[in-house]
Protein backbone atom coordinates (compact mmCIF):
# COMPACT_ATOMS: atom_id res chain seq x y z
CA MET A 1 50.26 -25.60 -0.26
CA ALA A 2 51.11 -25.14 -3.92
CA VAL A 3 54.29 -23.20 -3.20
CA THR A 4 55.83 -25.14 -0.34
CA GLY A 5 54.09 -28.53 -0.47
CA GLU A 6 53.29 -28.43 3.24
CA LYS A 7 50.14 -29.67 4.93
CA PHE A 8 46.97 -27.57 4.72
CA CYS A 9 47.00 -26.18 8.25
CA ASP A 10 50.71 -25.32 8.11
CA SER A 11 50.19 -23.61 4.75
CA CYS A 12 47.25 -21.63 6.12
CA TRP A 13 49.31 -20.45 9.07
CA ASN A 14 52.25 -19.49 6.85
CA GLY A 15 49.90 -17.65 4.48
CA PHE A 16 48.40 -15.77 7.41
CA LEU A 17 51.86 -14.78 8.64
CA LEU A 18 52.79 -13.57 5.15
CA ASN A 19 49.61 -11.51 5.00
CA MET A 20 50.41 -9.96 8.36
CA LYS A 21 54.03 -9.29 7.39
CA TYR A 22 53.10 -7.54 4.13
CA CYS A 23 49.78 -6.12 5.34
CA ALA A 24 50.35 -2.59 4.00
CA LYS A 25 51.32 -3.79 0.52
CA PHE A 26 48.36 -6.17 0.41
CA TYR A 27 45.95 -3.47 1.54
CA PHE A 28 47.28 -0.92 -0.96
CA ALA A 29 47.13 -3.36 -3.88
CA GLN A 30 43.65 -4.55 -2.91
CA THR A 31 42.42 -0.96 -2.71
CA ILE A 32 43.85 -0.08 -6.12
CA ALA A 33 42.45 -3.28 -7.64
CA GLY A 34 39.06 -2.58 -6.09
CA MET A 35 39.00 0.88 -7.62
CA PHE A 36 39.88 -0.52 -11.06
CA VAL A 37 37.17 -3.15 -10.74
CA PHE A 38 34.60 -0.52 -9.73
CA ILE A 39 35.58 1.79 -12.60
CA GLY A 40 35.50 -1.14 -15.04
CA ILE A 41 32.02 -2.17 -13.91
CA LEU A 42 30.74 1.40 -14.26
CA MET A 43 32.29 1.80 -17.71
CA CYS A 44 30.89 -1.52 -19.00
CA ALA A 45 27.47 -0.80 -17.56
CA GLY A 46 27.43 2.72 -18.99
CA ALA A 47 28.46 1.52 -22.43
CA ASN A 48 25.87 -1.29 -22.41
CA ILE A 49 23.08 1.01 -21.28
CA GLY A 50 24.04 3.63 -23.88
CA ILE A 51 24.19 1.07 -26.69
CA GLY A 52 20.90 -0.44 -25.55
CA TYR A 53 19.20 2.94 -25.51
CA VAL A 54 20.50 3.80 -28.98
CA LEU A 55 19.28 0.45 -30.31
CA VAL A 56 15.85 0.85 -28.74
CA LYS A 57 15.47 4.46 -29.85
CA TYR A 58 16.89 4.40 -33.39
CA VAL A 59 16.92 0.79 -34.58
CA THR A 60 13.73 -0.76 -33.22
CA LYS A 61 11.97 2.59 -32.61
CA GLU A 62 10.30 1.16 -29.48
CA VAL A 63 10.56 4.47 -27.64
CA GLU A 64 8.20 6.12 -30.11
CA LYS A 65 5.74 3.21 -30.04
CA PHE A 66 5.48 2.68 -26.29
CA GLY A 67 6.62 5.99 -24.92
CA LEU A 68 9.55 6.71 -22.68
CA GLU A 69 7.69 5.85 -19.47
CA ASN A 70 7.50 2.16 -20.45
CA MET A 71 11.27 1.87 -20.79
CA GLY A 72 11.74 1.24 -17.06
CA PRO A 73 11.72 -2.58 -17.30
CA VAL A 74 14.08 -2.48 -20.26
CA PHE A 75 16.56 -0.31 -18.38
CA ILE A 76 16.28 -2.52 -15.31
CA VAL A 77 17.23 -5.53 -17.44
CA PHE A 78 20.08 -3.59 -19.04
CA ILE A 79 21.35 -2.51 -15.62
CA ILE A 80 21.11 -6.01 -14.12
CA ILE A 81 22.88 -7.60 -17.08
CA SER A 82 25.31 -4.71 -17.41
CA PHE A 83 26.36 -4.91 -13.76
CA LEU A 84 26.25 -8.66 -13.24
CA ILE A 85 28.47 -9.83 -16.10
CA PRO A 86 31.31 -7.30 -15.60
CA ALA A 87 31.24 -7.90 -11.84
CA ILE A 88 31.77 -11.62 -12.39
CA CYS A 89 34.47 -11.13 -15.04
CA LEU A 90 36.34 -8.41 -13.17
CA GLY A 91 36.15 -10.45 -9.98
CA MET A 92 38.73 -12.68 -11.63
CA PHE A 93 41.05 -9.68 -11.84
CA ASP A 94 40.71 -9.22 -8.09
CA GLU A 95 41.66 -12.87 -7.51
CA ALA A 96 44.66 -12.47 -9.82
CA VAL A 97 45.85 -9.51 -7.73
CA VAL A 98 45.68 -11.59 -4.55
CA ALA A 99 47.56 -14.48 -6.18
CA THR A 100 50.25 -12.14 -7.51
CA LEU A 101 50.69 -10.56 -4.09
CA GLN A 102 51.00 -13.96 -2.45
CA CYS A 103 53.69 -14.95 -4.96
CA TYR A 104 55.49 -11.65 -4.35
CA ALA A 105 55.44 -12.20 -0.59
CA VAL A 106 56.75 -15.77 -0.87
CA ASP A 107 59.49 -14.73 -3.31
CA THR A 108 60.53 -11.81 -1.10
CA ASP A 109 60.78 -14.09 1.93
CA LEU A 110 62.66 -16.86 0.14
CA HIS A 111 65.23 -14.54 -1.44
CA GLN A 112 65.60 -12.02 1.41
CA GLY A 113 64.16 -9.10 -0.49
């Protein structure tokens, strides 16, 4: 709708036809973007968990006070926060890939390659 100014149903049909026409390029780009998102989530989560462990062990010294067996809830919170926030933020990257591919497909069709 934003590109051509057509009605919603016509735009949906044209978008579907573009997706079918450039299916291989869309699939390849989505796969690569998905891998980058997954790696980014793992790296952010690993860094957050590592920093959290260092803070708990050396700064607050909670590991010595409570013992390592009581760190389960803390690590669960770190993991939930460490996975949730990067997944939301990097989900925007995935949407940007789809929008860029749609623009590429429209531009390729309008200018014959």
